[in-house]
């Protein structure tokens, strides 16, 4: 992990840290999603350059939340329907920001593709996700990886609206296979990565009293 951290360009970290509303909690979430996505990408046979791109996209996947109002982003309870729609806009905003980023790690010639990947990280395999209701192979492969990493990191970490975490996250992910996440990608490449990550996080969280 230390080598991965050391290789994160300083301007990417500075960009995230300086973004409005990008809290320490959100920064840790993004970093953990990036780590998970990187490992899933490696497991699935992506090239080194693709894995590096995926890691950086993981870091930036929620950058659109920098424009989400504080009262929604940091609300301790459940969001109402109007607030949920505002929150959903962050994936579109992440795409917009990605298209306008200058001078970071990324290949500027691929900014359209990168934006599409960020836009699609809340799409669902069966087509009920957002913002475009894409399904199956309509969803970019890297978006599918980010979706798996994002969901799993969220359910294995405390949140402002939920201080405890789920005891058996793998069971929940099994249930999401073919619904929210690509079942082939999950079963063949991601599940073993998540099992290793779960065992590490379980030890950390039980010591902190976050297990339910």
N, C-alpha and C. Protein backbone atom coordinates (compact mmCIF):
# COMPACT_ATOMS: atom_id res chain seq x y z
N UNK A 1 0.83 -1.21 0.00
CA UNK A 1 0.00 0.00 0.00
C UNK A 1 0.86 1.26 0.00
N UNK A 2 1.97 1.23 0.74
CA UNK A 2 2.82 2.41 0.85
C UNK A 2 3.31 2.85 -0.52
N UNK A 3 3.67 1.87 -1.39
CA UNK A 3 4.15 2.20 -2.71
C UNK A 3 3.05 2.85 -3.55
N UNK A 4 1.82 2.35 -3.40
CA UNK A 4 0.69 2.93 -4.13
C UNK A 4 0.46 4.36 -3.68
N UNK A 5 0.45 4.58 -2.37
CA UNK A 5 0.25 5.93 -1.84
C UNK A 5 1.33 6.87 -2.35
N UNK A 6 2.57 6.40 -2.32
CA UNK A 6 3.69 7.25 -2.74
C UNK A 6 3.59 7.64 -4.20
N UNK A 7 2.92 6.79 -5.01
CA UNK A 7 2.83 7.04 -6.44
C UNK A 7 1.62 7.87 -6.85
N UNK A 8 0.78 8.25 -5.90
CA UNK A 8 -0.34 9.13 -6.23
C UNK A 8 0.20 10.53 -6.48
N UNK A 9 -0.03 11.07 -7.68
CA UNK A 9 0.48 12.41 -7.95
C UNK A 9 -0.01 13.43 -6.94
N UNK A 10 0.89 14.29 -6.46
CA UNK A 10 0.52 15.27 -5.45
C UNK A 10 -0.59 16.20 -5.92
N UNK A 11 -0.60 16.50 -7.23
CA UNK A 11 -1.62 17.43 -7.70
C UNK A 11 -3.02 16.81 -7.68
N UNK A 12 -3.11 15.48 -7.77
CA UNK A 12 -4.41 14.82 -7.66
C UNK A 12 -4.91 14.92 -6.22
N UNK A 13 -4.04 14.61 -5.26
CA UNK A 13 -4.41 14.70 -3.85
C UNK A 13 -4.77 16.13 -3.49
N UNK A 14 -3.98 17.09 -3.95
CA UNK A 14 -4.26 18.50 -3.67
C UNK A 14 -5.59 18.93 -4.27
N UNK A 15 -5.86 18.46 -5.49
CA UNK A 15 -7.12 18.79 -6.16
C UNK A 15 -8.31 18.30 -5.35
N UNK A 16 -8.23 17.05 -4.86
CA UNK A 16 -9.31 16.50 -4.05
C UNK A 16 -9.44 17.25 -2.73
N UNK A 17 -8.32 17.46 -2.06
CA UNK A 17 -8.33 18.08 -0.74
C UNK A 17 -8.86 19.51 -0.77
N UNK A 18 -8.63 20.19 -1.88
CA UNK A 18 -9.05 21.59 -1.98
C UNK A 18 -10.47 21.76 -2.48
N UNK A 19 -11.09 20.66 -2.92
CA UNK A 19 -12.45 20.75 -3.45
C UNK A 19 -13.44 21.00 -2.32
N UNK A 20 -14.38 21.90 -2.56
CA UNK A 20 -15.39 22.23 -1.56
C UNK A 20 -16.17 20.98 -1.17
N UNK A 21 -16.42 20.81 0.12
CA UNK A 21 -17.21 19.70 0.65
C UNK A 21 -16.51 18.35 0.60
N UNK A 22 -15.26 18.30 0.10
CA UNK A 22 -14.61 17.00 0.03
C UNK A 22 -13.97 16.72 1.38
N UNK A 23 -14.78 16.13 2.26
CA UNK A 23 -14.40 15.90 3.65
C UNK A 23 -13.34 14.81 3.75
N UNK A 24 -12.76 14.69 4.96
CA UNK A 24 -11.80 13.62 5.22
C UNK A 24 -12.44 12.26 5.00
N UNK A 25 -13.69 12.10 5.44
CA UNK A 25 -14.41 10.84 5.26
C UNK A 25 -14.55 10.49 3.78
N UNK A 26 -14.92 11.49 2.97
CA UNK A 26 -15.09 11.26 1.54
C UNK A 26 -13.75 10.99 0.86
N UNK A 27 -12.70 11.64 1.35
CA UNK A 27 -11.37 11.41 0.80
C UNK A 27 -10.93 9.97 1.07
N UNK A 28 -11.15 9.48 2.30
CA UNK A 28 -10.81 8.10 2.63
C UNK A 28 -11.65 7.12 1.80
N UNK A 29 -12.93 7.42 1.65
CA UNK A 29 -13.80 6.56 0.84
C UNK A 29 -13.26 6.47 -0.59
N UNK A 30 -12.91 7.61 -1.16
CA UNK A 30 -12.43 7.63 -2.54
C UNK A 30 -11.12 6.87 -2.68
N UNK A 31 -10.25 7.02 -1.69
CA UNK A 31 -8.97 6.31 -1.74
C UNK A 31 -9.19 4.80 -1.63
N UNK A 32 -10.09 4.38 -0.75
CA UNK A 32 -10.37 2.95 -0.61
C UNK A 32 -11.02 2.38 -1.86
N UNK A 33 -11.93 3.14 -2.47
CA UNK A 33 -12.53 2.71 -3.73
C UNK A 33 -11.46 2.56 -4.80
N UNK A 34 -10.53 3.51 -4.83
CA UNK A 34 -9.45 3.45 -5.81
C UNK A 34 -8.59 2.21 -5.62
N UNK A 35 -8.27 1.89 -4.37
CA UNK A 35 -7.47 0.70 -4.07
C UNK A 35 -8.19 -0.57 -4.49
N UNK A 36 -9.47 -0.67 -4.13
CA UNK A 36 -10.26 -1.84 -4.51
C UNK A 36 -10.37 -1.97 -6.02
N UNK A 37 -10.67 -0.86 -6.68
CA UNK A 37 -10.82 -0.88 -8.13
C UNK A 37 -9.51 -1.31 -8.80
N UNK A 38 -8.41 -0.82 -8.27
CA UNK A 38 -7.10 -1.20 -8.82
C UNK A 38 -6.90 -2.71 -8.72
N UNK A 39 -7.20 -3.28 -7.57
CA UNK A 39 -7.00 -4.72 -7.37
C UNK A 39 -7.94 -5.54 -8.24
N UNK A 40 -9.18 -5.09 -8.39
CA UNK A 40 -10.12 -5.79 -9.27
C UNK A 40 -9.65 -5.69 -10.71
N UNK A 41 -9.16 -4.52 -11.10
CA UNK A 41 -8.64 -4.35 -12.45
C UNK A 41 -7.47 -5.27 -12.73
N UNK A 42 -6.57 -5.39 -11.77
CA UNK A 42 -5.44 -6.31 -11.92
C UNK A 42 -5.93 -7.74 -12.05
N UNK A 43 -6.88 -8.12 -11.20
CA UNK A 43 -7.43 -9.47 -11.22
C UNK A 43 -8.09 -9.80 -12.55
N UNK A 44 -8.72 -8.81 -13.17
CA UNK A 44 -9.44 -9.04 -14.42
C UNK A 44 -8.55 -8.97 -15.65
N UNK A 45 -7.26 -8.69 -15.46
CA UNK A 45 -6.32 -8.73 -16.57
C UNK A 45 -6.13 -7.43 -17.32
N UNK A 46 -6.54 -6.31 -16.74
CA UNK A 46 -6.28 -5.02 -17.38
C UNK A 46 -4.78 -4.75 -17.44
N UNK A 47 -4.37 -3.97 -18.41
CA UNK A 47 -2.96 -3.61 -18.54
C UNK A 47 -2.55 -2.67 -17.41
N UNK A 48 -1.24 -2.51 -17.23
CA UNK A 48 -0.76 -1.63 -16.16
C UNK A 48 -1.28 -0.20 -16.34
N UNK A 49 -1.27 0.29 -17.58
CA UNK A 49 -1.74 1.66 -17.81
C UNK A 49 -3.24 1.77 -17.52
N UNK A 50 -4.01 0.75 -17.86
CA UNK A 50 -5.44 0.76 -17.57
C UNK A 50 -5.70 0.70 -16.06
N UNK A 51 -4.91 -0.11 -15.36
CA UNK A 51 -5.05 -0.20 -13.90
C UNK A 51 -4.71 1.13 -13.25
N UNK A 52 -3.67 1.79 -13.76
CA UNK A 52 -3.30 3.11 -13.23
C UNK A 52 -4.42 4.13 -13.47
N UNK A 53 -5.00 4.08 -14.67
CA UNK A 53 -6.13 4.98 -14.97
C UNK A 53 -7.31 4.70 -14.04
N UNK A 54 -7.59 3.43 -13.83
CA UNK A 54 -8.71 3.03 -12.98
C UNK A 54 -8.50 3.51 -11.55
N UNK A 55 -7.28 3.43 -11.06
CA UNK A 55 -6.98 3.91 -9.72
C UNK A 55 -7.26 5.40 -9.60
N UNK A 56 -6.81 6.18 -10.56
CA UNK A 56 -7.03 7.62 -10.52
C UNK A 56 -8.52 7.96 -10.67
N UNK A 57 -9.22 7.21 -11.51
CA UNK A 57 -10.66 7.43 -11.65
C UNK A 57 -11.40 7.08 -10.36
N UNK A 58 -10.90 6.07 -9.65
CA UNK A 58 -11.47 5.75 -8.35
C UNK A 58 -11.31 6.90 -7.37
N UNK A 59 -10.16 7.53 -7.40
CA UNK A 59 -9.93 8.69 -6.53
C UNK A 59 -10.92 9.81 -6.83
N UNK A 60 -11.27 9.96 -8.10
CA UNK A 60 -12.08 11.10 -8.54
C UNK A 60 -13.56 10.76 -8.76
N UNK A 61 -13.97 9.52 -8.46
CA UNK A 61 -15.32 9.12 -8.86
C UNK A 61 -16.42 9.96 -8.22
N UNK A 62 -16.19 10.47 -7.01
CA UNK A 62 -17.20 11.28 -6.31
C UNK A 62 -16.87 12.76 -6.29
N UNK A 63 -15.99 13.20 -7.17
CA UNK A 63 -15.58 14.60 -7.15
C UNK A 63 -16.78 15.53 -7.39
N UNK A 64 -17.82 15.02 -8.05
CA UNK A 64 -19.02 15.83 -8.28
C UNK A 64 -19.75 16.20 -7.01
N UNK A 65 -19.48 15.49 -5.92
CA UNK A 65 -20.11 15.83 -4.64
C UNK A 65 -19.58 17.14 -4.07
N UNK A 66 -18.52 17.67 -4.67
CA UNK A 66 -18.00 18.96 -4.22
C UNK A 66 -19.02 20.07 -4.44
N UNK A 67 -20.01 19.84 -5.31
CA UNK A 67 -21.07 20.83 -5.55
C UNK A 67 -22.40 20.45 -4.91
N UNK A 68 -22.42 19.37 -4.14
CA UNK A 68 -23.64 18.97 -3.44
C UNK A 68 -23.80 19.82 -2.18
N UNK A 69 -24.99 20.37 -1.92
CA UNK A 69 -25.18 21.22 -0.73
C UNK A 69 -24.82 20.50 0.56
N UNK A 70 -24.23 21.25 1.49
CA UNK A 70 -23.81 20.68 2.78
C UNK A 70 -24.94 19.96 3.50
N UNK A 71 -26.13 20.56 3.49
CA UNK A 71 -27.23 20.00 4.27
C UNK A 71 -27.69 18.64 3.73
N UNK A 72 -27.36 18.35 2.49
CA UNK A 72 -27.67 17.05 1.90
C UNK A 72 -26.50 16.09 2.07
N UNK A 73 -25.31 16.58 1.76
CA UNK A 73 -24.12 15.72 1.81
C UNK A 73 -23.84 15.22 3.22
N UNK A 74 -24.08 16.07 4.22
CA UNK A 74 -23.76 15.71 5.60
C UNK A 74 -25.00 15.45 6.46
N UNK A 75 -26.13 15.20 5.82
CA UNK A 75 -27.36 14.92 6.57
C UNK A 75 -27.22 13.61 7.34
N UNK A 76 -27.47 13.60 8.64
CA UNK A 76 -27.28 12.38 9.44
C UNK A 76 -28.37 11.33 9.25
N UNK A 77 -29.51 11.72 8.69
CA UNK A 77 -30.61 10.78 8.48
C UNK A 77 -30.82 10.47 7.01
N UNK A 78 -31.91 9.77 6.72
CA UNK A 78 -32.23 9.39 5.34
C UNK A 78 -32.62 10.62 4.52
N UNK A 79 -32.27 10.62 3.25
CA UNK A 79 -32.63 11.70 2.35
C UNK A 79 -34.07 11.53 1.88
N UNK A 80 -34.78 12.66 1.70
CA UNK A 80 -36.10 12.57 1.10
C UNK A 80 -35.96 12.48 -0.42
N UNK A 81 -37.06 12.33 -1.13
CA UNK A 81 -37.00 12.09 -2.57
C UNK A 81 -36.34 13.24 -3.32
N UNK A 82 -36.63 14.47 -2.93
CA UNK A 82 -36.02 15.63 -3.59
C UNK A 82 -34.52 15.67 -3.33
N UNK A 83 -34.13 15.39 -2.11
CA UNK A 83 -32.71 15.40 -1.76
C UNK A 83 -31.96 14.28 -2.49
N UNK A 84 -32.61 13.13 -2.65
CA UNK A 84 -31.97 12.03 -3.38
C UNK A 84 -31.69 12.40 -4.82
N UNK A 85 -32.62 13.12 -5.44
CA UNK A 85 -32.42 13.54 -6.83
C UNK A 85 -31.24 14.51 -6.94
N UNK A 86 -31.12 15.40 -5.96
CA UNK A 86 -29.99 16.33 -5.95
C UNK A 86 -28.69 15.56 -5.76
N UNK A 87 -28.69 14.59 -4.85
CA UNK A 87 -27.50 13.78 -4.62
C UNK A 87 -27.11 13.00 -5.88
N UNK A 88 -28.10 12.49 -6.60
CA UNK A 88 -27.82 11.71 -7.80
C UNK A 88 -27.09 12.52 -8.87
N UNK A 89 -27.27 13.82 -8.83
CA UNK A 89 -26.64 14.68 -9.84
C UNK A 89 -25.12 14.66 -9.76
N UNK A 90 -24.56 14.12 -8.67
CA UNK A 90 -23.10 14.17 -8.52
C UNK A 90 -22.37 13.38 -9.59
N UNK A 91 -22.99 12.32 -10.13
CA UNK A 91 -22.29 11.55 -11.16
C UNK A 91 -22.17 12.35 -12.46
N UNK A 92 -23.19 13.13 -12.78
CA UNK A 92 -23.12 14.01 -13.95
C UNK A 92 -22.10 15.11 -13.71
N UNK A 93 -22.10 15.64 -12.49
CA UNK A 93 -21.14 16.69 -12.15
C UNK A 93 -19.71 16.15 -12.16
N UNK A 94 -19.52 14.90 -11.74
CA UNK A 94 -18.19 14.29 -11.81
C UNK A 94 -17.71 14.24 -13.25
N UNK A 95 -18.61 13.89 -14.16
CA UNK A 95 -18.25 13.88 -15.59
C UNK A 95 -17.87 15.28 -16.05
N UNK A 96 -18.66 16.28 -15.68
CA UNK A 96 -18.38 17.65 -16.12
C UNK A 96 -17.02 18.11 -15.63
N UNK A 97 -16.72 17.84 -14.36
CA UNK A 97 -15.43 18.24 -13.81
C UNK A 97 -14.30 17.51 -14.52
N UNK A 98 -14.49 16.21 -14.78
CA UNK A 98 -13.47 15.42 -15.46
C UNK A 98 -13.15 16.00 -16.83
N UNK A 99 -14.17 16.46 -17.53
CA UNK A 99 -13.97 17.03 -18.86
C UNK A 99 -13.22 18.35 -18.82
N UNK A 100 -13.18 18.97 -17.65
CA UNK A 100 -12.54 20.29 -17.54
C UNK A 100 -11.26 20.28 -16.72
N UNK A 101 -10.84 19.10 -16.26
CA UNK A 101 -9.60 19.01 -15.51
C UNK A 101 -8.41 19.27 -16.43
N UNK A 102 -7.52 20.10 -16.00
CA UNK A 102 -6.30 20.39 -16.76
C UNK A 102 -5.08 20.12 -15.88
N UNK A 103 -4.07 19.52 -16.46
CA UNK A 103 -2.78 19.40 -15.79
C UNK A 103 -2.67 18.32 -14.75
N UNK A 104 -3.64 17.39 -14.70
CA UNK A 104 -3.50 16.28 -13.77
C UNK A 104 -2.88 15.09 -14.49
N UNK A 105 -2.95 13.95 -13.86
CA UNK A 105 -2.30 12.73 -14.33
C UNK A 105 -2.83 12.24 -15.67
N UNK A 106 -4.06 12.57 -16.00
CA UNK A 106 -4.76 11.89 -17.08
C UNK A 106 -4.33 12.31 -18.47
N UNK A 107 -4.54 11.39 -19.41
CA UNK A 107 -4.34 11.64 -20.83
C UNK A 107 -5.49 12.51 -21.32
N UNK A 108 -5.19 13.75 -21.69
CA UNK A 108 -6.25 14.69 -22.07
C UNK A 108 -7.03 14.21 -23.30
N UNK A 109 -6.42 13.35 -24.12
CA UNK A 109 -7.10 12.84 -25.30
C UNK A 109 -8.21 11.84 -24.95
N UNK A 110 -8.22 11.38 -23.70
CA UNK A 110 -9.22 10.39 -23.28
C UNK A 110 -10.22 10.97 -22.28
N UNK A 111 -10.28 12.29 -22.20
CA UNK A 111 -11.14 12.92 -21.20
C UNK A 111 -12.61 12.56 -21.39
N UNK A 112 -13.06 12.41 -22.65
CA UNK A 112 -14.45 12.03 -22.90
C UNK A 112 -14.75 10.65 -22.33
N UNK A 113 -13.83 9.71 -22.56
CA UNK A 113 -14.02 8.35 -22.03
C UNK A 113 -13.98 8.35 -20.51
N UNK A 114 -13.02 9.09 -19.94
CA UNK A 114 -12.94 9.15 -18.48
C UNK A 114 -14.22 9.72 -17.88
N UNK A 115 -14.74 10.77 -18.52
CA UNK A 115 -15.99 11.37 -18.05
C UNK A 115 -17.14 10.38 -18.09
N UNK A 116 -17.19 9.61 -19.17
CA UNK A 116 -18.24 8.58 -19.31
C UNK A 116 -18.13 7.54 -18.19
N UNK A 117 -16.90 7.16 -17.85
CA UNK A 117 -16.69 6.17 -16.79
C UNK A 117 -17.20 6.70 -15.45
N UNK A 118 -16.86 7.95 -15.13
CA UNK A 118 -17.32 8.53 -13.87
C UNK A 118 -18.84 8.69 -13.87
N UNK A 119 -19.39 9.13 -14.98
CA UNK A 119 -20.84 9.31 -15.09
C UNK A 119 -21.58 7.99 -14.81
N UNK A 120 -20.97 6.87 -15.19
CA UNK A 120 -21.65 5.59 -15.12
C UNK A 120 -21.45 4.78 -13.87
N UNK A 121 -20.81 5.33 -12.84
CA UNK A 121 -20.49 4.48 -11.69
C UNK A 121 -21.68 4.18 -10.77
N UNK A 122 -22.85 4.77 -11.07
CA UNK A 122 -24.07 4.40 -10.33
C UNK A 122 -25.11 3.73 -11.24
N UNK A 123 -24.70 3.34 -12.43
CA UNK A 123 -25.59 2.54 -13.27
C UNK A 123 -25.69 1.12 -12.68
N UNK A 124 -26.81 0.45 -12.94
CA UNK A 124 -27.01 -0.91 -12.44
C UNK A 124 -27.11 -1.90 -13.60
N UNK A 125 -26.65 -3.10 -13.37
CA UNK A 125 -26.58 -4.12 -14.41
C UNK A 125 -27.95 -4.36 -15.06
N UNK A 126 -29.03 -4.27 -14.28
CA UNK A 126 -30.37 -4.53 -14.83
C UNK A 126 -31.01 -3.28 -15.44
N UNK A 127 -30.32 -2.14 -15.36
CA UNK A 127 -30.82 -0.94 -16.03
C UNK A 127 -31.62 0.01 -15.18
N UNK A 128 -31.60 -0.16 -13.86
CA UNK A 128 -32.39 0.71 -12.99
C UNK A 128 -31.54 1.75 -12.26
N UNK A 129 -30.30 1.92 -12.70
CA UNK A 129 -29.42 2.89 -12.05
C UNK A 129 -29.57 4.28 -12.65
N UNK A 130 -28.63 5.15 -12.33
CA UNK A 130 -28.67 6.52 -12.84
C UNK A 130 -27.27 6.96 -13.26
N UNK A 131 -27.17 7.99 -14.11
CA UNK A 131 -28.24 8.91 -14.56
C UNK A 131 -28.95 8.49 -15.85
N UNK A 132 -28.45 7.47 -16.54
CA UNK A 132 -28.95 7.17 -17.88
C UNK A 132 -29.70 5.85 -18.01
N UNK A 133 -29.82 5.10 -16.93
CA UNK A 133 -30.53 3.83 -17.00
C UNK A 133 -29.88 2.81 -17.92
N UNK A 134 -28.55 2.85 -18.02
CA UNK A 134 -27.84 1.88 -18.85
C UNK A 134 -27.91 0.49 -18.22
N UNK A 135 -27.74 -0.54 -19.04
CA UNK A 135 -27.76 -1.90 -18.50
C UNK A 135 -26.73 -2.77 -19.22
N UNK A 136 -26.31 -3.83 -18.53
CA UNK A 136 -25.43 -4.83 -19.13
C UNK A 136 -24.21 -4.25 -19.80
N UNK A 137 -24.03 -4.63 -21.07
CA UNK A 137 -22.84 -4.22 -21.81
C UNK A 137 -22.88 -2.76 -22.25
N UNK A 138 -23.98 -2.07 -22.00
CA UNK A 138 -24.02 -0.63 -22.28
C UNK A 138 -23.15 0.14 -21.29
N UNK A 139 -22.87 -0.46 -20.16
CA UNK A 139 -22.09 0.19 -19.11
C UNK A 139 -20.60 -0.07 -19.35
N UNK A 140 -19.79 0.96 -19.27
CA UNK A 140 -18.35 0.83 -19.47
C UNK A 140 -17.76 -0.15 -18.45
N UNK A 141 -16.82 -0.96 -18.92
CA UNK A 141 -16.21 -1.98 -18.05
C UNK A 141 -15.62 -1.36 -16.78
N UNK A 142 -14.94 -0.22 -16.93
CA UNK A 142 -14.34 0.41 -15.75
C UNK A 142 -15.40 0.98 -14.82
N UNK A 143 -16.52 1.44 -15.37
CA UNK A 143 -17.63 1.89 -14.51
C UNK A 143 -18.14 0.73 -13.67
N UNK A 144 -18.22 -0.45 -14.29
CA UNK A 144 -18.68 -1.64 -13.56
C UNK A 144 -17.76 -1.97 -12.39
N UNK A 145 -16.46 -1.84 -12.62
CA UNK A 145 -15.50 -2.09 -11.54
C UNK A 145 -15.66 -1.06 -10.44
N UNK A 146 -15.80 0.21 -10.81
CA UNK A 146 -15.99 1.26 -9.81
C UNK A 146 -17.27 1.04 -9.01
N UNK A 147 -18.32 0.56 -9.67
CA UNK A 147 -19.58 0.28 -8.97
C UNK A 147 -19.38 -0.77 -7.89
N UNK A 148 -18.71 -1.86 -8.23
CA UNK A 148 -18.45 -2.92 -7.25
C UNK A 148 -17.64 -2.37 -6.08
N UNK A 149 -16.56 -1.65 -6.40
CA UNK A 149 -15.69 -1.10 -5.35
C UNK A 149 -16.43 -0.09 -4.49
N UNK A 150 -17.24 0.75 -5.11
CA UNK A 150 -17.98 1.80 -4.40
C UNK A 150 -19.00 1.19 -3.43
N UNK A 151 -19.78 0.23 -3.91
CA UNK A 151 -20.79 -0.40 -3.05
C UNK A 151 -20.12 -1.10 -1.87
N UNK A 152 -19.08 -1.87 -2.17
CA UNK A 152 -18.46 -2.67 -1.11
C UNK A 152 -17.78 -1.79 -0.07
N UNK A 153 -17.11 -0.75 -0.52
CA UNK A 153 -16.46 0.14 0.43
C UNK A 153 -17.50 0.82 1.32
N UNK A 154 -18.63 1.20 0.73
CA UNK A 154 -19.67 1.88 1.49
C UNK A 154 -20.26 1.00 2.58
N UNK A 155 -20.44 -0.29 2.30
CA UNK A 155 -21.09 -1.15 3.29
C UNK A 155 -20.10 -1.74 4.30
N UNK A 156 -18.82 -1.49 4.10
CA UNK A 156 -17.82 -1.96 5.07
C UNK A 156 -17.17 -0.82 5.83
N UNK A 157 -17.77 0.37 5.71
CA UNK A 157 -17.25 1.55 6.41
C UNK A 157 -18.39 2.26 7.13
N UNK A 158 -18.13 2.82 8.32
CA UNK A 158 -19.15 3.64 8.99
C UNK A 158 -19.48 4.87 8.14
N UNK A 159 -20.70 5.35 8.24
CA UNK A 159 -21.14 6.54 7.53
C UNK A 159 -21.76 7.52 8.52
N UNK A 160 -21.90 8.77 8.10
CA UNK A 160 -22.49 9.79 8.97
C UNK A 160 -23.93 9.41 9.34
N UNK A 161 -24.63 8.72 8.43
CA UNK A 161 -26.01 8.31 8.68
C UNK A 161 -26.10 6.89 9.23
N UNK A 162 -24.94 6.19 9.38
CA UNK A 162 -24.94 4.82 9.86
C UNK A 162 -23.57 4.51 10.43
N UNK A 163 -23.48 4.55 11.77
CA UNK A 163 -22.16 4.41 12.39
C UNK A 163 -21.68 2.97 12.44
N UNK A 164 -22.58 2.00 12.27
CA UNK A 164 -22.19 0.61 12.24
C UNK A 164 -22.14 0.11 10.80
N UNK A 165 -21.50 -1.04 10.60
CA UNK A 165 -21.41 -1.61 9.26
C UNK A 165 -22.08 -2.97 9.24
N UNK A 166 -22.27 -3.51 8.06
CA UNK A 166 -22.93 -4.79 7.88
C UNK A 166 -21.96 -5.93 8.17
N UNK A 167 -22.42 -6.91 8.93
CA UNK A 167 -21.56 -8.01 9.36
C UNK A 167 -21.14 -8.90 8.20
N UNK A 168 -22.06 -9.18 7.27
CA UNK A 168 -21.76 -10.10 6.17
C UNK A 168 -21.92 -9.39 4.82
N UNK A 169 -20.97 -8.53 4.46
CA UNK A 169 -21.09 -7.77 3.21
C UNK A 169 -21.01 -8.64 1.97
N UNK A 170 -20.31 -9.78 2.05
CA UNK A 170 -20.21 -10.65 0.88
C UNK A 170 -21.58 -11.22 0.51
N UNK A 171 -22.38 -11.55 1.51
CA UNK A 171 -23.74 -12.04 1.23
C UNK A 171 -24.54 -10.97 0.50
N UNK A 172 -24.42 -9.72 0.94
CA UNK A 172 -25.14 -8.64 0.27
C UNK A 172 -24.66 -8.49 -1.17
N UNK A 173 -23.34 -8.58 -1.38
CA UNK A 173 -22.79 -8.46 -2.73
C UNK A 173 -23.26 -9.62 -3.61
N UNK A 174 -23.32 -10.82 -3.04
CA UNK A 174 -23.85 -11.96 -3.78
C UNK A 174 -25.26 -11.68 -4.28
N UNK A 175 -26.06 -11.05 -3.44
CA UNK A 175 -27.44 -10.72 -3.80
C UNK A 175 -27.51 -9.64 -4.88
N UNK A 176 -26.50 -8.77 -4.91
CA UNK A 176 -26.48 -7.68 -5.89
C UNK A 176 -25.95 -8.14 -7.25
N UNK A 177 -25.28 -9.30 -7.29
CA UNK A 177 -24.76 -9.81 -8.56
C UNK A 177 -25.91 -10.10 -9.52
N UNK A 178 -25.85 -9.49 -10.70
CA UNK A 178 -26.92 -9.62 -11.67
C UNK A 178 -28.01 -8.59 -11.50
N UNK A 179 -27.94 -7.81 -10.43
CA UNK A 179 -28.90 -6.74 -10.18
C UNK A 179 -28.19 -5.39 -10.34
N UNK A 180 -27.38 -5.04 -9.34
CA UNK A 180 -26.62 -3.79 -9.41
C UNK A 180 -25.28 -3.98 -10.12
N UNK A 181 -24.69 -5.16 -9.96
CA UNK A 181 -23.33 -5.38 -10.46
C UNK A 181 -23.27 -6.52 -11.47
N UNK A 182 -22.27 -6.44 -12.33
CA UNK A 182 -22.06 -7.46 -13.37
C UNK A 182 -21.72 -8.79 -12.71
N UNK A 183 -22.55 -9.82 -12.88
CA UNK A 183 -22.31 -11.08 -12.18
C UNK A 183 -21.03 -11.79 -12.61
N UNK A 184 -20.69 -11.73 -13.89
CA UNK A 184 -19.47 -12.40 -14.37
C UNK A 184 -18.23 -11.72 -13.80
N UNK A 185 -18.20 -10.41 -13.88
CA UNK A 185 -17.08 -9.65 -13.33
C UNK A 185 -16.94 -9.90 -11.84
N UNK A 186 -18.05 -9.92 -11.15
CA UNK A 186 -18.02 -10.12 -9.70
C UNK A 186 -17.53 -11.52 -9.34
N UNK A 187 -18.14 -12.54 -9.90
CA UNK A 187 -17.81 -13.92 -9.51
C UNK A 187 -16.40 -14.32 -9.92
N UNK A 188 -15.94 -13.87 -11.08
CA UNK A 188 -14.67 -14.35 -11.62
C UNK A 188 -13.47 -13.50 -11.23
N UNK A 189 -13.67 -12.22 -10.95
CA UNK A 189 -12.53 -11.35 -10.71
C UNK A 189 -12.59 -10.55 -9.42
N UNK A 190 -13.79 -10.16 -9.01
CA UNK A 190 -13.89 -9.22 -7.88
C UNK A 190 -14.08 -9.90 -6.53
N UNK A 191 -14.78 -11.02 -6.50
CA UNK A 191 -15.19 -11.59 -5.21
C UNK A 191 -14.01 -11.93 -4.31
N UNK A 192 -12.98 -12.55 -4.86
CA UNK A 192 -11.81 -12.90 -4.05
C UNK A 192 -11.12 -11.65 -3.51
N UNK A 193 -11.08 -10.59 -4.33
CA UNK A 193 -10.49 -9.32 -3.88
C UNK A 193 -11.29 -8.77 -2.71
N UNK A 194 -12.61 -8.82 -2.81
CA UNK A 194 -13.47 -8.31 -1.75
C UNK A 194 -13.37 -9.14 -0.48
N UNK A 195 -13.23 -10.43 -0.63
CA UNK A 195 -13.06 -11.30 0.55
C UNK A 195 -11.81 -10.93 1.33
N UNK A 196 -10.71 -10.71 0.62
CA UNK A 196 -9.46 -10.31 1.28
C UNK A 196 -9.64 -8.96 1.97
N UNK A 197 -10.28 -8.02 1.27
CA UNK A 197 -10.49 -6.68 1.82
C UNK A 197 -11.41 -6.74 3.03
N UNK A 198 -12.47 -7.56 2.94
CA UNK A 198 -13.43 -7.70 4.03
C UNK A 198 -12.75 -8.21 5.29
N UNK A 199 -11.89 -9.19 5.17
CA UNK A 199 -11.20 -9.74 6.34
C UNK A 199 -10.33 -8.69 7.01
N UNK A 200 -9.68 -7.87 6.19
CA UNK A 200 -8.84 -6.79 6.74
C UNK A 200 -9.69 -5.74 7.43
N UNK A 201 -10.79 -5.31 6.77
CA UNK A 201 -11.64 -4.27 7.34
C UNK A 201 -12.41 -4.78 8.55
N UNK A 202 -12.80 -6.05 8.55
CA UNK A 202 -13.53 -6.63 9.68
C UNK A 202 -12.70 -6.50 10.95
N UNK A 203 -11.42 -6.84 10.85
CA UNK A 203 -10.54 -6.75 12.02
C UNK A 203 -10.45 -5.31 12.51
N UNK A 204 -10.30 -4.36 11.58
CA UNK A 204 -10.19 -2.95 11.95
C UNK A 204 -11.46 -2.46 12.64
N UNK A 205 -12.61 -2.80 12.06
CA UNK A 205 -13.88 -2.25 12.55
C UNK A 205 -14.37 -2.90 13.82
N UNK A 206 -14.09 -4.18 14.03
CA UNK A 206 -14.53 -4.81 15.27
C UNK A 206 -13.78 -4.21 16.46
N UNK A 207 -12.52 -3.83 16.22
CA UNK A 207 -11.75 -3.18 17.28
C UNK A 207 -12.30 -1.79 17.59
N UNK A 208 -12.94 -1.16 16.59
CA UNK A 208 -13.49 0.19 16.77
C UNK A 208 -14.95 0.16 17.19
N UNK A 209 -15.54 -1.03 17.29
CA UNK A 209 -16.94 -1.13 17.72
C UNK A 209 -17.94 -0.79 16.66
N UNK A 210 -17.57 -0.95 15.38
CA UNK A 210 -18.47 -0.58 14.29
C UNK A 210 -19.22 -1.76 13.69
N UNK A 211 -18.98 -2.98 14.16
CA UNK A 211 -19.62 -4.15 13.57
C UNK A 211 -21.04 -4.32 14.11
N UNK A 212 -21.98 -4.66 13.21
CA UNK A 212 -23.34 -4.99 13.65
C UNK A 212 -23.66 -6.40 13.18
